[in-house]
C-alpha cells in the first residue's frame, strides 16, 4: 500500500468547509471510494492551523487509474476548493509498512 501525503495552509474562514470536504468521511474520500483500490483518508490539523492529509491506496496503479478515469470530477473539486487555501504541497508518496 501507498500513502500520498499533502500539506495545506488553510484560510481560517474556510477551515470548517475544508475539514468537511477533505476529512475521512468528506466529499473527496467519497469520490475516491469509487475505486476498489482506495483504502481511506486521514486529515490532521496542527496548532499552527496547517493540515496534513493522507490518502491511502492499495497501489500506485490504483490511484493513477482512478485519476485517469475521474479527472474531471477531481479537477472540479480542486477548483471549487482553490480559494480555501493559501498553499498546498504534495510532500510525497510513502510505502505503508505493516
Protein backbone atom coordinates (compact mmCIF):
# COMPACT_ATOMS: atom_id res chain seq x y z
CA UNK A 1 0.00 0.00 0.00
CA UNK A 2 0.98 3.61 -0.51
CA UNK A 3 0.07 6.83 1.27
CA UNK A 4 0.04 10.11 -0.61
CA UNK A 5 0.78 12.92 1.84
CA UNK A 6 -0.19 16.57 1.35
CA UNK A 7 0.26 19.68 3.48
CA UNK A 8 -2.20 22.57 3.29
CA UNK A 9 -2.27 26.06 4.74
CA UNK A 10 -6.00 26.76 5.01
CA UNK A 11 -7.55 30.20 5.35
CA UNK A 12 -9.18 30.44 8.78
CA UNK A 13 -12.59 31.38 7.39
CA UNK A 14 -12.64 28.18 5.29
CA UNK A 15 -11.41 25.63 7.86
CA UNK A 16 -14.82 24.10 8.60
CA UNK A 17 -15.59 23.65 4.91
CA UNK A 18 -12.10 22.29 4.21
CA UNK A 19 -12.38 19.75 7.05
CA UNK A 20 -15.85 18.65 5.94
CA UNK A 21 -14.68 18.21 2.33
CA UNK A 22 -11.25 16.63 2.86
CA UNK A 23 -11.80 14.70 6.09
CA UNK A 24 -12.09 10.89 6.20
CA UNK A 25 -15.85 10.98 5.50
CA UNK A 26 -15.82 14.02 3.22
CA UNK A 27 -16.59 14.53 -0.44
CA UNK A 28 -13.02 13.80 -1.54
CA UNK A 29 -12.92 10.44 0.29
CA UNK A 30 -16.37 9.53 -1.07
CA UNK A 31 -15.14 10.30 -4.58
CA UNK A 32 -12.00 8.17 -4.11
CA UNK A 33 -14.10 5.37 -2.58
CA UNK A 34 -15.48 4.70 -6.06
CA UNK A 35 -12.19 2.86 -6.59
CA UNK A 36 -11.70 -0.58 -5.08
CA UNK A 37 -8.06 0.37 -4.55
CA UNK A 38 -8.76 3.28 -2.19
CA UNK A 39 -8.11 2.30 1.44
CA UNK A 40 -9.03 5.52 3.25
CA UNK A 41 -8.06 9.05 4.16
CA UNK A 42 -6.95 10.84 7.29
CA UNK A 43 -6.82 14.56 8.00
CA UNK A 44 -4.66 16.10 10.73
CA UNK A 45 -4.67 19.72 11.95
CA UNK A 46 -1.64 21.30 13.62
CA UNK A 47 -1.96 24.03 16.22
CA UNK A 48 -0.45 26.47 13.69
CA UNK A 49 -3.55 25.93 11.51
CA UNK A 50 -1.86 23.82 8.85
CA UNK A 51 -3.18 20.39 7.81
CA UNK A 52 -1.73 17.09 6.71
CA UNK A 53 -3.87 14.86 4.51
CA UNK A 54 -3.10 11.19 3.87
CA UNK A 55 -4.76 9.23 1.10
CA UNK A 56 -4.04 5.50 1.30
CA UNK A 57 -4.23 3.34 -1.83
CA UNK A 58 -3.64 -0.36 -2.42
CA UNK A 59 -1.06 0.52 -5.12
CA UNK A 60 0.11 3.48 -7.19
CA UNK A 61 -1.57 1.92 -10.23
CA UNK A 62 -4.96 2.07 -8.48
CA UNK A 63 -4.50 5.78 -7.81
CA UNK A 64 -3.29 6.51 -11.34
CA UNK A 65 -6.17 4.58 -12.93
CA UNK A 66 -8.68 6.38 -10.73
CA UNK A 67 -7.31 9.82 -11.64
CA UNK A 68 -7.31 8.94 -15.34
CA UNK A 69 -10.94 7.78 -15.16
CA UNK A 70 -12.21 10.60 -12.90
CA UNK A 71 -10.02 13.56 -13.89
CA UNK A 72 -12.97 15.92 -14.45
CA UNK A 73 -14.55 15.23 -11.05
CA UNK A 74 -11.19 15.61 -9.27
CA UNK A 75 -10.41 18.87 -11.07
CA UNK A 76 -13.89 20.23 -10.28
CA UNK A 77 -13.38 19.51 -6.57
CA UNK A 78 -9.90 21.08 -6.61
CA UNK A 79 -11.16 24.16 -8.45
CA UNK A 80 -14.02 24.67 -6.00
CA UNK A 81 -11.65 24.43 -3.03
CA UNK A 82 -8.85 26.53 -4.55
CA UNK A 83 -9.69 29.71 -2.64
CA UNK A 84 -9.84 27.88 0.69
CA UNK A 85 -6.06 27.51 0.96
CA UNK A 86 -3.01 29.76 0.85
CA UNK A 87 -0.88 26.88 -0.39
CA UNK A 88 -0.82 23.14 -0.97
CA UNK A 89 2.26 20.92 -1.13
CA UNK A 90 2.46 17.26 -2.03
CA UNK A 91 5.02 16.04 0.48
CA UNK A 92 5.46 12.66 -1.11
CA UNK A 93 4.39 9.10 -1.64
CA UNK A 94 5.19 6.72 1.17
CA UNK A 95 5.11 2.95 1.36
CA UNK A 96 2.74 1.82 4.12
CA UNK A 97 4.55 -0.59 6.42
CA UNK A 98 2.89 -3.33 8.41
